[in-house]
Amino acid sequence: NWNLRYSDVKDFDGMVLWWASMKGAKVLPGIYRVSLNVNGDIQIKQFDVYKDPRLDISDADYLEQFEFTQAVNKKVTQAHETIIEIRRLKKQMSEFAENHSIDTILTKISEIDSMLTDIEESLYQTKNKSNQDPLNFPIKLTNKLGHLNSLIQVGDGKPTQQMYAVRDELIKKIDRNIFSFERVRDNEIKELNMLIKERIDNIIK
């Protein structure tokens, strides 16, 4: 039973968004094949996905909507994967801090945690714990881009120029935050690991 869509956007535990779609792009009208393999016994069938006959929409318009949705969803997935990685690193640092009392390392952990928190809070509204919370706290970048996905998939047809402008602006801001995270991961985390290694080496000596 196929819903005629590509894969949904990557989500994470506890995610609460306001009017944002995580649905994958609808497949384009055309000819498809389905393959079923049961213990080496393969059955292949061909089927058609038709346009809605009530709508006068060109193949080019369907393609433009599809590519727009795919670009939006790809960026939201990338941002959510960044959030997942941020939370993993923060958890590791918190667990280390709970079991060690080395001032220089704890100071470095605190600095990095603050940097990662700023990035995460730019990408996602971390205060959202229930479906009512978006009424009280402003939505952030991934929610805004997910909202655009919900708008483009309301019906069939190509995106408006305003949709392109909003998408491109949001993607720029998300990319800046992802770049900031990669810089923290590649530089600050590396420095933290070196401090921990030096401490361990001194203990061994």
N, C-alpha and C. Protein backbone atom coordinates (compact mmCIF):
# COMPACT_ATOMS: atom_id res chain seq x y z
N ASN A 1 0.87 -1.19 0.00
CA ASN A 1 0.00 0.00 0.00
C ASN A 1 0.89 1.23 0.00
N TRP A 2 1.01 1.91 -1.12
CA TRP A 2 1.91 3.04 -1.29
C TRP A 2 1.11 4.34 -1.32
N ASN A 3 1.59 5.35 -0.58
CA ASN A 3 0.86 6.62 -0.54
C ASN A 3 1.24 7.55 -1.69
N LEU A 4 2.01 7.03 -2.67
CA LEU A 4 2.41 7.79 -3.85
C LEU A 4 3.27 9.01 -3.50
N ARG A 5 4.09 8.86 -2.46
CA ARG A 5 4.99 9.94 -2.05
C ARG A 5 6.40 9.41 -1.84
N TYR A 6 7.35 10.32 -1.95
CA TYR A 6 8.72 10.00 -1.57
C TYR A 6 8.83 10.00 -0.05
N SER A 7 10.01 9.66 0.47
CA SER A 7 10.20 9.55 1.92
C SER A 7 9.91 10.88 2.62
N ASP A 8 9.38 10.77 3.83
CA ASP A 8 9.10 11.96 4.63
C ASP A 8 10.39 12.60 5.13
N VAL A 9 10.25 13.80 5.65
CA VAL A 9 11.37 14.52 6.24
C VAL A 9 11.84 13.79 7.50
N LYS A 10 13.13 13.84 7.76
CA LYS A 10 13.69 13.27 8.99
C LYS A 10 13.18 14.06 10.20
N ASP A 11 12.69 13.33 11.22
CA ASP A 11 12.25 14.02 12.43
C ASP A 11 13.14 13.60 13.60
N PHE A 12 12.78 14.03 14.80
CA PHE A 12 13.56 13.66 15.98
C PHE A 12 12.62 13.58 17.17
N ASP A 13 13.08 12.97 18.25
CA ASP A 13 12.25 12.74 19.43
C ASP A 13 11.75 14.07 20.01
N GLY A 14 10.46 14.10 20.32
CA GLY A 14 9.88 15.26 20.98
C GLY A 14 9.63 16.45 20.08
N MET A 15 9.73 16.28 18.78
CA MET A 15 9.57 17.39 17.86
C MET A 15 8.12 17.88 17.85
N VAL A 16 7.94 19.20 18.07
CA VAL A 16 6.62 19.83 18.02
C VAL A 16 6.71 21.02 17.08
N LEU A 17 5.93 20.99 16.01
CA LEU A 17 5.94 22.05 15.01
C LEU A 17 4.53 22.61 14.83
N TRP A 18 4.46 23.82 14.31
CA TRP A 18 3.18 24.47 14.05
C TRP A 18 2.92 24.50 12.54
N TRP A 19 1.83 23.87 12.12
CA TRP A 19 1.39 23.87 10.72
C TRP A 19 2.56 23.67 9.75
N ALA A 20 3.30 22.61 10.00
CA ALA A 20 4.44 22.29 9.14
C ALA A 20 4.28 20.87 8.64
N SER A 21 4.44 20.66 7.35
CA SER A 21 4.31 19.33 6.77
C SER A 21 5.67 18.66 6.68
N MET A 22 5.73 17.41 7.11
CA MET A 22 6.93 16.59 6.98
C MET A 22 6.75 15.55 5.87
N LYS A 23 5.68 15.72 5.07
CA LYS A 23 5.38 14.74 4.02
C LYS A 23 6.36 14.85 2.86
N GLY A 24 6.69 13.70 2.30
CA GLY A 24 7.53 13.68 1.11
C GLY A 24 6.78 14.18 -0.11
N ALA A 25 7.50 14.51 -1.15
CA ALA A 25 6.90 15.01 -2.38
C ALA A 25 6.05 13.93 -3.04
N LYS A 26 4.95 14.36 -3.65
CA LYS A 26 4.12 13.43 -4.42
C LYS A 26 4.85 13.03 -5.69
N VAL A 27 4.71 11.76 -6.07
CA VAL A 27 5.37 11.31 -7.29
C VAL A 27 4.75 11.98 -8.50
N LEU A 28 5.54 12.11 -9.54
CA LEU A 28 5.05 12.73 -10.77
C LEU A 28 4.16 11.76 -11.54
N PRO A 29 3.19 12.27 -12.27
CA PRO A 29 2.41 11.40 -13.15
C PRO A 29 3.35 10.68 -14.13
N GLY A 30 3.08 9.42 -14.36
CA GLY A 30 3.94 8.67 -15.28
C GLY A 30 3.77 7.17 -15.10
N ILE A 31 4.67 6.42 -15.71
CA ILE A 31 4.63 4.96 -15.67
C ILE A 31 5.63 4.46 -14.64
N TYR A 32 5.20 3.58 -13.75
CA TYR A 32 6.06 3.04 -12.68
C TYR A 32 6.02 1.53 -12.70
N ARG A 33 7.03 0.96 -12.03
CA ARG A 33 7.08 -0.50 -11.88
C ARG A 33 7.25 -0.84 -10.41
N VAL A 34 6.57 -1.88 -9.96
CA VAL A 34 6.71 -2.37 -8.60
C VAL A 34 7.25 -3.80 -8.67
N SER A 35 8.21 -4.10 -7.79
CA SER A 35 8.83 -5.41 -7.76
C SER A 35 8.63 -6.04 -6.39
N LEU A 36 8.16 -7.28 -6.35
CA LEU A 36 7.97 -8.03 -5.10
C LEU A 36 8.84 -9.28 -5.15
N ASN A 37 9.74 -9.40 -4.17
CA ASN A 37 10.67 -10.53 -4.12
C ASN A 37 10.38 -11.34 -2.87
N VAL A 38 9.88 -12.57 -3.05
CA VAL A 38 9.59 -13.47 -1.93
C VAL A 38 10.42 -14.74 -2.13
N ASN A 39 11.48 -14.86 -1.32
CA ASN A 39 12.36 -16.04 -1.39
C ASN A 39 12.86 -16.30 -2.81
N GLY A 40 13.22 -15.25 -3.50
CA GLY A 40 13.77 -15.40 -4.84
C GLY A 40 12.73 -15.42 -5.94
N ASP A 41 11.48 -15.52 -5.56
CA ASP A 41 10.40 -15.50 -6.56
C ASP A 41 10.00 -14.03 -6.78
N ILE A 42 10.36 -13.49 -7.93
CA ILE A 42 10.17 -12.06 -8.21
C ILE A 42 8.98 -11.85 -9.13
N GLN A 43 8.12 -10.95 -8.69
CA GLN A 43 6.99 -10.54 -9.53
C GLN A 43 7.10 -9.05 -9.81
N ILE A 44 6.96 -8.67 -11.05
CA ILE A 44 7.06 -7.27 -11.46
C ILE A 44 5.78 -6.86 -12.18
N LYS A 45 5.24 -5.73 -11.75
CA LYS A 45 4.04 -5.20 -12.39
C LYS A 45 4.27 -3.74 -12.76
N GLN A 46 3.65 -3.33 -13.83
CA GLN A 46 3.72 -1.94 -14.28
C GLN A 46 2.38 -1.27 -14.01
N PHE A 47 2.43 0.01 -13.60
CA PHE A 47 1.18 0.74 -13.36
C PHE A 47 1.38 2.21 -13.70
N ASP A 48 0.29 2.90 -13.90
CA ASP A 48 0.32 4.32 -14.26
C ASP A 48 -0.16 5.18 -13.10
N VAL A 49 0.49 6.32 -12.94
CA VAL A 49 0.00 7.37 -12.04
C VAL A 49 -0.51 8.50 -12.93
N TYR A 50 -1.80 8.79 -12.83
CA TYR A 50 -2.43 9.75 -13.72
C TYR A 50 -2.52 11.14 -13.08
N LYS A 51 -2.57 12.15 -13.92
CA LYS A 51 -2.89 13.50 -13.47
C LYS A 51 -4.35 13.54 -13.02
N ASP A 52 -4.64 14.50 -12.17
CA ASP A 52 -6.04 14.74 -11.81
C ASP A 52 -6.73 15.31 -13.05
N PRO A 53 -7.70 14.61 -13.64
CA PRO A 53 -8.33 15.06 -14.89
C PRO A 53 -9.14 16.35 -14.74
N ARG A 54 -9.41 16.74 -13.49
CA ARG A 54 -10.19 17.97 -13.26
C ARG A 54 -9.32 19.22 -13.36
N LEU A 55 -7.99 19.03 -13.36
CA LEU A 55 -7.07 20.17 -13.31
C LEU A 55 -6.31 20.31 -14.62
N ASP A 56 -6.11 21.54 -15.04
CA ASP A 56 -5.35 21.82 -16.26
C ASP A 56 -3.94 22.24 -15.86
N ILE A 57 -3.10 21.25 -15.55
CA ILE A 57 -1.73 21.50 -15.08
C ILE A 57 -0.76 20.78 -16.00
N SER A 58 0.26 21.48 -16.45
CA SER A 58 1.21 20.90 -17.39
C SER A 58 2.21 20.00 -16.68
N ASP A 59 2.89 19.15 -17.46
CA ASP A 59 3.94 18.30 -16.91
C ASP A 59 5.05 19.16 -16.29
N ALA A 60 5.35 20.29 -16.92
CA ALA A 60 6.39 21.17 -16.42
C ALA A 60 6.03 21.74 -15.05
N ASP A 61 4.74 22.06 -14.85
CA ASP A 61 4.30 22.58 -13.56
C ASP A 61 4.38 21.52 -12.47
N TYR A 62 3.99 20.28 -12.82
CA TYR A 62 4.11 19.18 -11.86
C TYR A 62 5.58 18.99 -11.46
N LEU A 63 6.46 19.03 -12.45
CA LEU A 63 7.89 18.84 -12.19
C LEU A 63 8.44 19.96 -11.30
N GLU A 64 8.01 21.19 -11.57
CA GLU A 64 8.49 22.33 -10.78
C GLU A 64 8.04 22.20 -9.32
N GLN A 65 6.81 21.79 -9.11
CA GLN A 65 6.32 21.59 -7.75
C GLN A 65 7.11 20.48 -7.05
N PHE A 66 7.36 19.40 -7.77
CA PHE A 66 8.10 18.27 -7.23
C PHE A 66 9.51 18.69 -6.81
N GLU A 67 10.22 19.37 -7.68
CA GLU A 67 11.60 19.77 -7.40
C GLU A 67 11.65 20.78 -6.25
N PHE A 68 10.66 21.66 -6.18
CA PHE A 68 10.59 22.63 -5.09
C PHE A 68 10.42 21.90 -3.75
N THR A 69 9.48 20.96 -3.70
CA THR A 69 9.22 20.22 -2.48
C THR A 69 10.42 19.39 -2.06
N GLN A 70 11.07 18.75 -3.02
CA GLN A 70 12.25 17.95 -2.71
C GLN A 70 13.37 18.81 -2.12
N ALA A 71 13.57 20.01 -2.66
CA ALA A 71 14.62 20.91 -2.16
C ALA A 71 14.31 21.36 -0.73
N VAL A 72 13.05 21.69 -0.47
CA VAL A 72 12.63 22.08 0.88
C VAL A 72 12.85 20.94 1.86
N ASN A 73 12.37 19.76 1.51
CA ASN A 73 12.47 18.62 2.42
C ASN A 73 13.90 18.19 2.66
N LYS A 74 14.73 18.28 1.64
CA LYS A 74 16.14 17.92 1.80
C LYS A 74 16.81 18.84 2.82
N LYS A 75 16.50 20.12 2.77
CA LYS A 75 17.13 21.07 3.69
C LYS A 75 16.59 20.90 5.11
N VAL A 76 15.28 20.65 5.25
CA VAL A 76 14.73 20.42 6.59
C VAL A 76 15.34 19.16 7.20
N THR A 77 15.49 18.11 6.40
CA THR A 77 16.12 16.88 6.88
C THR A 77 17.55 17.15 7.33
N GLN A 78 18.30 17.92 6.54
CA GLN A 78 19.68 18.24 6.90
C GLN A 78 19.73 19.01 8.22
N ALA A 79 18.81 19.95 8.40
CA ALA A 79 18.76 20.72 9.65
C ALA A 79 18.40 19.84 10.83
N HIS A 80 17.44 18.94 10.64
CA HIS A 80 17.04 18.05 11.73
C HIS A 80 18.17 17.07 12.08
N GLU A 81 18.90 16.61 11.09
CA GLU A 81 20.06 15.76 11.37
C GLU A 81 21.12 16.52 12.17
N THR A 82 21.25 17.82 11.89
CA THR A 82 22.18 18.65 12.65
C THR A 82 21.72 18.76 14.10
N ILE A 83 20.42 18.95 14.31
CA ILE A 83 19.88 19.02 15.67
C ILE A 83 20.12 17.72 16.42
N ILE A 84 19.91 16.60 15.76
CA ILE A 84 20.15 15.29 16.38
C ILE A 84 21.61 15.16 16.79
N GLU A 85 22.52 15.60 15.93
CA GLU A 85 23.95 15.52 16.23
C GLU A 85 24.32 16.47 17.37
N ILE A 86 23.73 17.67 17.38
CA ILE A 86 23.96 18.61 18.47
C ILE A 86 23.55 17.99 19.80
N ARG A 87 22.39 17.37 19.84
CA ARG A 87 21.90 16.78 21.09
C ARG A 87 22.76 15.60 21.52
N ARG A 88 23.27 14.87 20.57
CA ARG A 88 24.15 13.75 20.90
C ARG A 88 25.44 14.26 21.55
N LEU A 89 26.03 15.31 20.96
CA LEU A 89 27.26 15.86 21.51
C LEU A 89 27.04 16.48 22.89
N LYS A 90 25.93 17.19 23.04
CA LYS A 90 25.64 17.82 24.33
C LYS A 90 25.43 16.76 25.42
N LYS A 91 24.79 15.65 25.06
CA LYS A 91 24.57 14.57 26.01
C LYS A 91 25.90 13.96 26.44
N GLN A 92 26.80 13.74 25.48
CA GLN A 92 28.11 13.18 25.80
C GLN A 92 28.89 14.11 26.72
N MET A 93 28.86 15.40 26.42
CA MET A 93 29.60 16.36 27.24
C MET A 93 29.00 16.45 28.64
N SER A 94 27.66 16.39 28.73
CA SER A 94 27.01 16.45 30.03
C SER A 94 27.38 15.24 30.88
N GLU A 95 27.40 14.08 30.27
CA GLU A 95 27.76 12.86 31.00
C GLU A 95 29.21 12.92 31.48
N PHE A 96 30.10 13.47 30.65
CA PHE A 96 31.50 13.61 31.06
C PHE A 96 31.61 14.58 32.22
N ALA A 97 30.90 15.72 32.14
CA ALA A 97 30.97 16.74 33.19
C ALA A 97 30.45 16.21 34.52
N GLU A 98 29.48 15.31 34.49
CA GLU A 98 28.91 14.76 35.72
C GLU A 98 29.91 13.87 36.45
N ASN A 99 30.85 13.31 35.71
CA ASN A 99 31.77 12.34 36.30
C ASN A 99 33.20 12.85 36.46
N HIS A 100 33.43 14.10 36.10
CA HIS A 100 34.78 14.66 36.20
C HIS A 100 34.70 16.10 36.71
N SER A 101 35.75 16.53 37.37
CA SER A 101 35.77 17.88 37.94
C SER A 101 37.07 18.60 37.58
N ILE A 102 37.40 18.56 36.32
CA ILE A 102 38.62 19.21 35.83
C ILE A 102 38.23 20.58 35.29
N ASP A 103 38.66 21.62 35.96
CA ASP A 103 38.17 22.97 35.68
C ASP A 103 38.36 23.38 34.22
N THR A 104 39.53 23.15 33.67
CA THR A 104 39.78 23.61 32.29
C THR A 104 38.87 22.90 31.29
N ILE A 105 38.63 21.62 31.52
CA ILE A 105 37.77 20.85 30.62
C ILE A 105 36.30 21.25 30.82
N LEU A 106 35.88 21.42 32.06
CA LEU A 106 34.50 21.82 32.32
C LEU A 106 34.20 23.20 31.73
N THR A 107 35.18 24.08 31.79
CA THR A 107 35.01 25.41 31.19
C THR A 107 34.84 25.30 29.69
N LYS A 108 35.64 24.45 29.06
CA LYS A 108 35.54 24.25 27.61
C LYS A 108 34.20 23.62 27.25
N ILE A 109 33.75 22.66 28.04
CA ILE A 109 32.46 22.03 27.80
C ILE A 109 31.34 23.07 27.88
N SER A 110 31.40 23.94 28.86
CA SER A 110 30.38 24.97 29.02
C SER A 110 30.36 25.91 27.82
N GLU A 111 31.53 26.28 27.33
CA GLU A 111 31.62 27.16 26.16
C GLU A 111 30.99 26.50 24.93
N ILE A 112 31.35 25.24 24.71
CA ILE A 112 30.83 24.53 23.53
C ILE A 112 29.33 24.32 23.64
N ASP A 113 28.87 23.96 24.84
CA ASP A 113 27.44 23.74 25.05
C ASP A 113 26.65 25.00 24.72
N SER A 114 27.18 26.15 25.11
CA SER A 114 26.51 27.42 24.82
C SER A 114 26.44 27.68 23.32
N MET A 115 27.53 27.39 22.61
CA MET A 115 27.56 27.56 21.15
C MET A 115 26.52 26.65 20.48
N LEU A 116 26.49 25.39 20.91
CA LEU A 116 25.56 24.44 20.31
C LEU A 116 24.11 24.80 20.61
N THR A 117 23.86 25.30 21.82
CA THR A 117 22.51 25.72 22.19
C THR A 117 22.03 26.86 21.31
N ASP A 118 22.90 27.83 21.05
CA ASP A 118 22.53 28.96 20.19
C ASP A 118 22.14 28.49 18.79
N ILE A 119 22.89 27.52 18.27
CA ILE A 119 22.61 27.00 16.92
C ILE A 119 21.29 26.24 16.92
N GLU A 120 21.11 25.36 17.90
CA GLU A 120 19.88 24.56 17.96
C GLU A 120 18.66 25.45 18.10
N GLU A 121 18.75 26.48 18.95
CA GLU A 121 17.61 27.36 19.17
C GLU A 121 17.31 28.26 17.98
N SER A 122 18.28 28.44 17.10
CA SER A 122 18.02 29.16 15.85
C SER A 122 17.27 28.28 14.86
N LEU A 123 17.59 26.99 14.88
CA LEU A 123 16.97 26.06 13.95
C LEU A 123 15.59 25.61 14.40
N TYR A 124 15.41 25.44 15.71
CA TYR A 124 14.18 24.81 16.23
C TYR A 124 13.77 25.47 17.54
N GLN A 125 12.46 25.60 17.76
CA GLN A 125 11.95 26.17 19.00
C GLN A 125 12.00 25.10 20.09
N THR A 126 13.06 25.15 20.90
CA THR A 126 13.29 24.11 21.91
C THR A 126 12.30 24.20 23.08
N LYS A 127 11.56 25.30 23.21
CA LYS A 127 10.59 25.44 24.30
C LYS A 127 9.31 24.68 24.01
N ASN A 128 9.13 24.21 22.79
CA ASN A 128 7.92 23.48 22.44
C ASN A 128 7.93 22.09 23.06
N LYS A 129 7.01 21.84 23.96
CA LYS A 129 6.87 20.53 24.59
C LYS A 129 5.50 19.90 24.32
N SER A 130 4.54 20.72 23.92
CA SER A 130 3.20 20.23 23.60
C SER A 130 2.69 20.97 22.37
N ASN A 131 1.58 20.50 21.83
CA ASN A 131 1.03 21.10 20.61
C ASN A 131 0.50 22.51 20.84
N GLN A 132 0.30 22.90 22.10
CA GLN A 132 -0.18 24.25 22.39
C GLN A 132 0.97 25.26 22.50
N ASP A 133 2.18 24.78 22.72
CA ASP A 133 3.32 25.68 22.95
C ASP A 133 3.62 26.63 21.78
N PRO A 134 3.45 26.22 20.52
CA PRO A 134 3.72 27.17 19.43
C PRO A 134 2.83 28.42 19.47
N LEU A 135 1.76 28.38 20.25
CA LEU A 135 0.94 29.57 20.41
C LEU A 135 1.65 30.63 21.26
N ASN A 136 2.59 30.17 22.08
CA ASN A 136 3.26 31.07 23.01
C ASN A 136 4.70 31.40 22.61
N PHE A 137 5.32 30.53 21.82
CA PHE A 137 6.72 30.72 21.46
C PHE A 137 6.85 30.81 19.94
N PRO A 138 7.64 31.76 19.44
CA PRO A 138 7.77 31.94 17.99
C PRO A 138 8.40 30.73 17.30
N ILE A 139 7.91 30.42 16.12
CA ILE A 139 8.48 29.29 15.37
C ILE A 139 9.85 29.69 14.81
N LYS A 140 10.69 28.69 14.61
CA LYS A 140 12.05 28.93 14.14
C LYS A 140 12.22 28.41 12.71
N LEU A 141 13.47 28.32 12.25
CA LEU A 141 13.75 28.15 10.82
C LEU A 141 13.19 26.86 10.22
N THR A 142 13.40 25.72 10.87
CA THR A 142 12.91 24.48 10.27
C THR A 142 11.39 24.44 10.23
N ASN A 143 10.74 25.03 11.24
CA ASN A 143 9.28 25.10 11.25
C ASN A 143 8.77 25.97 10.11
N LYS A 144 9.46 27.09 9.87
CA LYS A 144 9.05 27.99 8.79
C LYS A 144 9.18 27.31 7.43
N LEU A 145 10.27 26.57 7.25
CA LEU A 145 10.46 25.88 5.97
C LEU A 145 9.46 24.73 5.85
N GLY A 146 9.17 24.04 6.96
CA GLY A 146 8.16 22.99 6.94
C GLY A 146 6.77 23.54 6.64
N HIS A 147 6.52 24.76 7.11
CA HIS A 147 5.24 25.41 6.81
C HIS A 147 5.12 25.68 5.31
N LEU A 148 6.23 26.07 4.70
CA LEU A 148 6.23 26.29 3.26
C LEU A 148 5.92 24.99 2.52
N ASN A 149 6.42 23.88 3.04
CA ASN A 149 6.12 22.58 2.45
C ASN A 149 4.62 22.28 2.54
N SER A 150 4.00 22.66 3.65
CA SER A 150 2.56 22.43 3.78
C SER A 150 1.77 23.27 2.79
N LEU A 151 2.24 24.48 2.51
CA LEU A 151 1.53 25.37 1.59
C LEU A 151 1.64 24.88 0.14
N ILE A 152 2.85 24.45 -0.27
CA ILE A 152 3.04 24.04 -1.66
C ILE A 152 2.27 22.76 -1.96
N GLN A 153 1.98 21.96 -0.91
CA GLN A 153 1.30 20.69 -1.14
C GLN A 153 -0.21 20.76 -0.88
N VAL A 154 -0.72 21.97 -0.68
CA VAL A 154 -2.17 22.12 -0.53
C VAL A 154 -2.89 21.65 -1.79
N GLY A 155 -2.31 21.95 -2.94
CA GLY A 155 -2.89 21.53 -4.21
C GLY A 155 -1.79 21.24 -5.21
N ASP A 156 -2.17 21.00 -6.45
CA ASP A 156 -1.20 20.75 -7.51
C ASP A 156 -0.95 22.04 -8.29
N GLY A 157 0.30 22.24 -8.66
CA GLY A 157 0.64 23.44 -9.42
C GLY A 157 2.02 23.95 -9.03
N LYS A 158 2.60 24.77 -9.88
CA LYS A 158 3.96 25.24 -9.62
C LYS A 158 3.98 26.27 -8.50
N PRO A 159 5.12 26.42 -7.82
CA PRO A 159 5.25 27.40 -6.74
C PRO A 159 5.19 28.83 -7.29
N THR A 160 4.81 29.74 -6.42
CA THR A 160 4.81 31.16 -6.79
C THR A 160 6.22 31.72 -6.60
N GLN A 161 6.47 32.89 -7.17
CA GLN A 161 7.77 33.54 -7.00
C GLN A 161 8.01 33.90 -5.54
N GLN A 162 6.93 34.24 -4.82
CA GLN A 162 7.07 34.54 -3.40
C GLN A 162 7.54 33.31 -2.62
N MET A 163 7.05 32.13 -3.01
CA MET A 163 7.48 30.89 -2.36
C MET A 163 8.97 30.65 -2.57
N TYR A 164 9.43 30.89 -3.79
CA TYR A 164 10.86 30.74 -4.08
C TYR A 164 11.69 31.70 -3.23
N ALA A 165 11.22 32.94 -3.11
CA ALA A 165 11.97 33.95 -2.35
C ALA A 165 12.07 33.55 -0.88
N VAL A 166 10.95 33.09 -0.31
CA VAL A 166 10.95 32.67 1.09
C VAL A 166 11.83 31.44 1.28
N ARG A 167 11.69 30.47 0.38
CA ARG A 167 12.50 29.25 0.49
C ARG A 167 13.98 29.56 0.48
N ASP A 168 14.42 30.37 -0.48
CA ASP A 168 15.84 30.66 -0.63
C ASP A 168 16.39 31.42 0.57
N GLU A 169 15.59 32.33 1.13
CA GLU A 169 16.02 33.10 2.30
C GLU A 169 16.16 32.19 3.53
N LEU A 170 15.19 31.30 3.71
CA LEU A 170 15.24 30.38 4.85
C LEU A 170 16.41 29.40 4.72
N ILE A 171 16.64 28.92 3.51
CA ILE A 171 17.74 27.98 3.29
C ILE A 171 19.08 28.64 3.58
N LYS A 172 19.23 29.91 3.20
CA LYS A 172 20.47 30.63 3.50
C LYS A 172 20.71 30.69 5.01
N LYS A 173 19.66 31.00 5.75
CA LYS A 173 19.81 31.11 7.20
C LYS A 173 20.10 29.76 7.84
N ILE A 174 19.44 28.71 7.34
CA ILE A 174 19.71 27.37 7.86
C ILE A 174 21.14 26.96 7.54
N ASP A 175 21.60 27.24 6.33
CA ASP A 175 22.96 26.89 5.94
C ASP A 175 24.00 27.58 6.82
N ARG A 176 23.73 28.82 7.19
CA ARG A 176 24.66 29.54 8.07
C ARG A 176 24.77 28.84 9.42
N ASN A 177 23.65 28.36 9.93
CA ASN A 177 23.67 27.66 11.21
C ASN A 177 24.34 26.29 11.10
N ILE A 178 24.10 25.60 10.00
CA ILE A 178 24.76 24.31 9.79
C ILE A 178 26.26 24.51 9.67
N PHE A 179 26.69 25.55 8.97
CA PHE A 179 28.11 25.86 8.87
C PHE A 179 28.70 26.16 10.24
N SER A 180 27.96 26.91 11.06
CA SER A 180 28.44 27.23 12.41
C SER A 180 28.60 25.95 13.23
N PHE A 181 27.64 25.03 13.09
CA PHE A 181 27.75 23.76 13.80
C PHE A 181 28.98 22.99 13.34
N GLU A 182 29.19 22.90 12.04
CA GLU A 182 30.34 22.15 11.52
C GLU A 182 31.66 22.75 11.99
N ARG A 183 31.69 24.06 12.13
CA ARG A 183 32.90 24.72 12.62
C ARG A 183 33.14 24.37 14.09
N VAL A 184 32.07 24.36 14.90
CA VAL A 184 32.20 23.96 16.30
C VAL A 184 32.63 22.50 16.39
N ARG A 185 32.01 21.64 15.61
CA ARG A 185 32.32 20.21 15.64
C ARG A 185 33.77 19.95 15.23
N ASP A 186 34.22 20.62 14.18
CA ASP A 186 35.55 20.34 13.63
C ASP A 186 36.68 21.03 14.39
N ASN A 187 36.36 22.12 15.08
CA ASN A 187 37.41 22.87 15.78
C ASN A 187 37.28 22.77 17.30
N GLU A 188 36.15 23.21 17.83
CA GLU A 188 36.00 23.25 19.29
C GLU A 188 35.94 21.85 19.91
N ILE A 189 35.20 20.94 19.28
CA ILE A 189 35.13 19.57 19.81
C ILE A 189 36.50 18.90 19.71
N LYS A 190 37.19 19.18 18.63
CA LYS A 190 38.54 18.63 18.47
C LYS A 190 39.46 19.12 19.58
N GLU A 191 39.36 20.41 19.91
CA GLU A 191 40.18 20.98 20.98
C GLU A 191 39.80 20.35 22.33
N LEU A 192 38.50 20.15 22.56
CA LEU A 192 38.06 19.52 23.79
C LEU A 192 38.62 18.11 23.91
N ASN A 193 38.57 17.35 22.84
CA ASN A 193 39.10 15.99 22.86
C ASN A 193 40.60 15.97 23.14
N MET A 194 41.31 16.96 22.64
CA MET A 194 42.75 17.06 22.92
C MET A 194 43.00 17.34 24.39
N LEU A 195 42.18 18.22 25.00
CA LEU A 195 42.33 18.50 26.43
C LEU A 195 42.08 17.25 27.26
N ILE A 196 41.05 16.49 26.88
CA ILE A 196 40.74 15.25 27.60
C ILE A 196 41.87 14.25 27.44
N LYS A 197 42.41 14.12 26.24
CA LYS A 197 43.50 13.18 25.99
C LYS A 197 44.74 13.56 26.79
N GLU A 198 45.05 14.86 26.82
CA GLU A 198 46.21 15.32 27.59
C GLU A 198 46.05 14.99 29.07
N ARG A 199 44.82 15.18 29.57
CA ARG A 199 44.55 14.88 30.97
C ARG A 199 44.73 13.41 31.26
N ILE A 200 44.23 12.55 30.38
CA ILE A 200 44.36 11.11 30.55
C ILE A 200 45.84 10.69 30.49
N ASP A 201 46.57 11.27 29.55
CA ASP A 201 48.00 10.95 29.41
C ASP A 201 48.76 11.33 30.67
N ASN A 202 48.43 12.47 31.27
CA ASN A 202 49.11 12.90 32.49
C ASN A 202 48.81 11.99 33.66
N ILE A 203 47.57 11.48 33.70
CA ILE A 203 47.20 10.56 34.77
C ILE A 203 47.96 9.25 34.62
N ILE A 204 48.09 8.78 33.39
CA ILE A 204 48.81 7.53 33.14
C ILE A 204 50.27 7.65 33.54
N LYS A 205 50.86 8.83 33.24
CA LYS A 205 52.27 9.05 33.58
C LYS A 205 52.47 9.02 35.10
